[in-house]
């Protein structure tokens, strides 16, 4: 699994002119699911997102996690995070999981994250064309990949 994690002041997802998910201060999570991903990837990634210290404390130092800060989360499926641009100019998405595999993992990811944060998480609509709006906070943008665990 790959994630682009963005600390935001606010973010929303619109499908067919209707806002389907929105949050205030917290994180926007663009989630790409690979064909080899498992429940273990979900566990590691959700834990990392919840505990990563990317929010300012009273001294203005990034010392608080999403759990500690009480921020919100918005999850958007993003298969294009697994694009390979090795050959030619047209990206290949061969590593991205097929929808029948990816959608259940996406739903499990949202459930696990919600359980860990002890609150609902916002989300887009799997497989839909979505308009994602956000106001970056910082900006703070972090890439996470369960296959590289850096």
C-alpha atoms as a PDB file:
ATOM      1  CA  UNK A   1       0.000   0.000   0.000  1.00  0.00           C
ATOM      2  CA  UNK A   2       1.096   3.488  -0.759  1.00  0.00           C
ATOM      3  CA  UNK A   3      -0.170   6.641   0.853  1.00  0.00           C
ATOM      4  CA  UNK A   4       0.249  10.318   0.225  1.00  0.00           C
ATOM      5  CA  UNK A   5      -0.504  11.777   3.649  1.00  0.00           C
ATOM      6  CA  UNK A   6      -1.258  15.497   3.756  1.00  0.00           C
ATOM      7  CA  UNK A   7      -1.822  17.528   6.888  1.00  0.00           C
ATOM      8  CA  UNK A   8      -4.771  19.771   6.111  1.00  0.00           C
ATOM      9  CA  UNK A   9      -6.760  22.619   7.592  1.00  0.00           C
ATOM     10  CA  UNK A  10      -9.754  21.203   5.737  1.00  0.00           C
ATOM     11  CA  UNK A  11     -10.480  18.810   2.877  1.00  0.00           C
ATOM     12  CA  UNK A  12     -13.475  17.503   0.956  1.00  0.00           C
ATOM     13  CA  UNK A  13     -14.420  15.036  -1.762  1.00  0.00           C
ATOM     14  CA  UNK A  14     -17.205  15.693  -4.272  1.00  0.00           C
ATOM     15  CA  UNK A  15     -18.816  13.127  -6.588  1.00  0.00           C
ATOM     16  CA  UNK A  16     -21.344  14.222  -9.228  1.00  0.00           C
ATOM     17  CA  UNK A  17     -21.700  17.628  -7.577  1.00  0.00           C
ATOM     18  CA  UNK A  18     -22.387  16.183  -4.107  1.00  0.00           C
ATOM     19  CA  UNK A  19     -19.943  16.426  -1.195  1.00  0.00           C
ATOM     20  CA  UNK A  20     -19.511  12.831  -0.018  1.00  0.00           C
ATOM     21  CA  UNK A  21     -16.801  13.414   2.575  1.00  0.00           C
ATOM     22  CA  UNK A  22     -15.305  16.397   4.334  1.00  0.00           C
ATOM     23  CA  UNK A  23     -13.144  17.108   7.351  1.00  0.00           C
ATOM     24  CA  UNK A  24     -11.696  20.003   9.260  1.00  0.00           C
ATOM     25  CA  UNK A  25      -8.160  19.950  10.691  1.00  0.00           C
ATOM     26  CA  UNK A  26      -6.501  16.571  10.225  1.00  0.00           C
ATOM     27  CA  UNK A  27      -5.121  14.432   7.399  1.00  0.00           C
ATOM     28  CA  UNK A  28      -6.088  13.703   3.820  1.00  0.00           C
ATOM     29  CA  UNK A  29      -5.016  10.165   2.920  1.00  0.00           C
ATOM     30  CA  UNK A  30      -4.639   9.252  -0.750  1.00  0.00           C
ATOM     31  CA  UNK A  31      -4.523   5.436  -0.642  1.00  0.00           C
ATOM     32  CA  UNK A  32      -3.131   3.225  -3.391  1.00  0.00           C
ATOM     33  CA  UNK A  33      -3.611  -0.533  -3.069  1.00  0.00           C
ATOM     34  CA  UNK A  34      -1.231  -2.967  -4.742  1.00  0.00           C
ATOM     35  CA  UNK A  35      -2.107  -6.495  -5.859  1.00  0.00           C
ATOM     36  CA  UNK A  36       0.188  -8.015  -3.194  1.00  0.00           C
ATOM     37  CA  UNK A  37      -1.258  -6.034  -0.253  1.00  0.00           C
ATOM     38  CA  UNK A  38      -2.714  -7.831   2.779  1.00  0.00           C
ATOM     39  CA  UNK A  39      -4.261  -7.194   6.184  1.00  0.00           C
ATOM     40  CA  UNK A  40      -0.723  -6.848   7.558  1.00  0.00           C
ATOM     41  CA  UNK A  41      -0.197  -3.794   5.313  1.00  0.00           C
ATOM     42  CA  UNK A  42      -3.418  -2.257   6.647  1.00  0.00           C
ATOM     43  CA  UNK A  43      -2.346  -2.810  10.273  1.00  0.00           C
ATOM     44  CA  UNK A  44       1.104  -1.279   9.788  1.00  0.00           C
ATOM     45  CA  UNK A  45      -0.105   1.683   7.738  1.00  0.00           C
ATOM     46  CA  UNK A  46      -3.033   2.629   9.993  1.00  0.00           C
ATOM     47  CA  UNK A  47      -0.774   2.410  13.049  1.00  0.00           C
ATOM     48  CA  UNK A  48       1.839   4.598  11.409  1.00  0.00           C
ATOM     49  CA  UNK A  49      -0.730   7.207  10.329  1.00  0.00           C
ATOM     50  CA  UNK A  50      -2.310   7.398  13.793  1.00  0.00           C
ATOM     51  CA  UNK A  51       1.003   7.665  15.674  1.00  0.00           C
ATOM     52  CA  UNK A  52       3.061   9.829  13.306  1.00  0.00           C
ATOM     53  CA  UNK A  53       3.970  13.075  15.057  1.00  0.00           C
ATOM     54  CA  UNK A  54       3.136  15.685  12.403  1.00  0.00           C
ATOM     55  CA  UNK A  55       0.981  18.135  14.388  1.00  0.00           C
ATOM     56  CA  UNK A  56       2.288  21.109  16.324  1.00  0.00           C
ATOM     57  CA  UNK A  57       2.354  21.152  20.106  1.00  0.00           C
ATOM     58  CA  UNK A  58       1.963  24.341  22.173  1.00  0.00           C
ATOM     59  CA  UNK A  59       5.558  25.311  21.316  1.00  0.00           C
ATOM     60  CA  UNK A  60       4.986  25.024  17.550  1.00  0.00           C
ATOM     61  CA  UNK A  61       7.023  21.821  17.251  1.00  0.00           C
ATOM     62  CA  UNK A  62       5.681  18.843  15.277  1.00  0.00           C
ATOM     63  CA  UNK A  63       5.378  16.651  18.333  1.00  0.00           C
ATOM     64  CA  UNK A  64       1.750  15.441  18.358  1.00  0.00           C
ATOM     65  CA  UNK A  65       0.132  12.542  16.525  1.00  0.00           C
ATOM     66  CA  UNK A  66      -3.291  12.425  14.920  1.00  0.00           C
ATOM     67  CA  UNK A  67      -4.444  10.402  17.956  1.00  0.00           C
ATOM     68  CA  UNK A  68      -3.131  12.991  20.410  1.00  0.00           C
ATOM     69  CA  UNK A  69      -4.291  16.018  18.461  1.00  0.00           C
ATOM     70  CA  UNK A  70      -7.832  14.711  17.910  1.00  0.00           C
ATOM     71  CA  UNK A  71      -7.751  15.564  14.196  1.00  0.00           C
ATOM     72  CA  UNK A  72      -9.935  14.045  11.524  1.00  0.00           C
ATOM     73  CA  UNK A  73      -9.095  11.781   8.585  1.00  0.00           C
ATOM     74  CA  UNK A  74     -10.390  11.659   5.009  1.00  0.00           C
ATOM     75  CA  UNK A  75      -9.487   8.602   2.895  1.00  0.00           C
ATOM     76  CA  UNK A  76      -9.567   8.659  -0.919  1.00  0.00           C
ATOM     77  CA  UNK A  77      -8.746   5.635  -3.102  1.00  0.00           C
ATOM     78  CA  UNK A  78      -6.000   6.434  -5.611  1.00  0.00           C
ATOM     79  CA  UNK A  79      -4.856   3.531  -7.808  1.00  0.00           C
ATOM     80  CA  UNK A  80      -2.605   5.895  -9.794  1.00  0.00           C
ATOM     81  CA  UNK A  81      -0.153   5.912  -6.860  1.00  0.00           C
ATOM     82  CA  UNK A  82       1.087   2.592  -8.272  1.00  0.00           C
ATOM     83  CA  UNK A  83       1.862   4.010 -11.709  1.00  0.00           C
ATOM     84  CA  UNK A  84       5.031   2.743 -13.325  1.00  0.00           C
ATOM     85  CA  UNK A  85       6.685   5.248 -15.654  1.00  0.00           C
ATOM     86  CA  UNK A  86       9.715   3.105 -16.429  1.00  0.00           C
ATOM     87  CA  UNK A  87       8.965   2.672 -20.125  1.00  0.00           C
ATOM     88  CA  UNK A  88       7.516   5.219 -22.505  1.00  0.00           C
ATOM     89  CA  UNK A  89       5.239   8.103 -21.616  1.00  0.00           C
ATOM     90  CA  UNK A  90       2.029   6.268 -20.752  1.00  0.00           C
ATOM     91  CA  UNK A  91       1.972   5.126 -17.107  1.00  0.00           C
ATOM     92  CA  UNK A  92       1.320   1.455 -16.460  1.00  0.00           C
ATOM     93  CA  UNK A  93      -0.922   0.493 -13.534  1.00  0.00           C
ATOM     94  CA  UNK A  94      -0.156  -3.225 -13.635  1.00  0.00           C
ATOM     95  CA  UNK A  95       0.890  -3.282  -9.937  1.00  0.00           C
ATOM     96  CA  UNK A  96      -2.369  -1.717  -8.765  1.00  0.00           C
ATOM     97  CA  UNK A  97      -4.872  -4.181  -7.345  1.00  0.00           C
ATOM     98  CA  UNK A  98      -7.934  -4.969  -9.451  1.00  0.00           C
ATOM     99  CA  UNK A  99     -11.146  -3.392  -8.105  1.00  0.00           C
ATOM    100  CA  UNK A 100     -12.543  -6.706  -6.824  1.00  0.00           C
ATOM    101  CA  UNK A 101      -9.460  -7.049  -4.583  1.00  0.00           C
ATOM    102  CA  UNK A 102      -8.837  -3.364  -3.855  1.00  0.00           C
ATOM    103  CA  UNK A 103     -12.321  -2.321  -2.734  1.00  0.00           C
ATOM    104  CA  UNK A 104     -12.556  -4.775   0.203  1.00  0.00           C
ATOM    105  CA  UNK A 105      -9.045  -3.739   1.347  1.00  0.00           C
ATOM    106  CA  UNK A 106     -10.044  -0.069   1.051  1.00  0.00           C
ATOM    107  CA  UNK A 107     -13.102  -0.718   3.224  1.00  0.00           C
ATOM    108  CA  UNK A 108     -10.994  -2.666   5.751  1.00  0.00           C
ATOM    109  CA  UNK A 109      -8.469   0.185   5.835  1.00  0.00           C
ATOM    110  CA  UNK A 110     -11.206   2.736   6.618  1.00  0.00           C
ATOM    111  CA  UNK A 111     -12.659   0.509   9.341  1.00  0.00           C
ATOM    112  CA  UNK A 112      -9.252  -0.118  10.964  1.00  0.00           C
ATOM    113  CA  UNK A 113      -8.349   3.580  10.895  1.00  0.00           C
ATOM    114  CA  UNK A 114     -11.720   4.517  12.368  1.00  0.00           C
ATOM    115  CA  UNK A 115     -11.297   1.921  15.128  1.00  0.00           C
ATOM    116  CA  UNK A 116      -7.803   3.170  15.979  1.00  0.00           C
ATOM    117  CA  UNK A 117      -8.895   6.824  16.052  1.00  0.00           C
ATOM    118  CA  UNK A 118     -12.132   5.902  17.858  1.00  0.00           C
ATOM    119  CA  UNK A 119     -14.145   8.090  15.497  1.00  0.00           C
ATOM    120  CA  UNK A 120     -15.584   7.894  11.974  1.00  0.00           C
ATOM    121  CA  UNK A 121     -13.336   8.749   9.044  1.00  0.00           C
ATOM    122  CA  UNK A 122     -14.513  10.552   5.926  1.00  0.00           C
ATOM    123  CA  UNK A 123     -14.044   8.984   2.530  1.00  0.00           C
ATOM    124  CA  UNK A 124     -14.530   9.290  -1.161  1.00  0.00           C
ATOM    125  CA  UNK A 125     -16.414   6.760  -3.302  1.00  0.00           C
ATOM    126  CA  UNK A 126     -14.320   3.830  -4.475  1.00  0.00           C
ATOM    127  CA  UNK A 127     -13.884   3.835  -8.264  1.00  0.00           C
ATOM    128  CA  UNK A 128     -15.722   7.133  -8.818  1.00  0.00           C
ATOM    129  CA  UNK A 129     -14.431  10.234 -10.546  1.00  0.00           C
ATOM    130  CA  UNK A 130     -13.846  12.557  -7.606  1.00  0.00           C
ATOM    131  CA  UNK A 131     -13.027  16.198  -7.088  1.00  0.00           C
ATOM    132  CA  UNK A 132     -10.726  16.481  -4.080  1.00  0.00           C
ATOM    133  CA  UNK A 133     -10.241  19.878  -2.473  1.00  0.00           C
ATOM    134  CA  UNK A 134      -7.860  20.647   0.345  1.00  0.00           C
ATOM    135  CA  UNK A 135      -6.124  23.424   2.167  1.00  0.00           C
ATOM    136  CA  UNK A 136      -2.647  22.193   3.066  1.00  0.00           C
ATOM    137  CA  UNK A 137      -1.458  22.924   6.563  1.00  0.00           C
ATOM    138  CA  UNK A 138       2.246  23.672   6.476  1.00  0.00           C
ATOM    139  CA  UNK A 139       2.357  22.169   3.926  1.00  0.00           C
ATOM    140  CA  UNK A 140       3.196  18.797   5.423  1.00  0.00           C
ATOM    141  CA  UNK A 141       3.100  15.975   2.861  1.00  0.00           C
ATOM    142  CA  UNK A 142       4.548  12.535   3.589  1.00  0.00           C
ATOM    143  CA  UNK A 143       4.822   9.442   1.399  1.00  0.00           C
ATOM    144  CA  UNK A 144       4.373   6.041   3.042  1.00  0.00           C
ATOM    145  CA  UNK A 145       4.839   2.653   1.367  1.00  0.00           C
ATOM    146  CA  UNK A 146       4.310  -0.618   3.218  1.00  0.00           C
ATOM    147  CA  UNK A 147       6.816  -2.328   0.934  1.00  0.00           C
ATOM    148  CA  UNK A 148       9.594   0.125   1.875  1.00  0.00           C
ATOM    149  CA  UNK A 149       8.679   0.976   5.512  1.00  0.00           C
ATOM    150  CA  UNK A 150      11.085   3.917   5.727  1.00  0.00           C
END
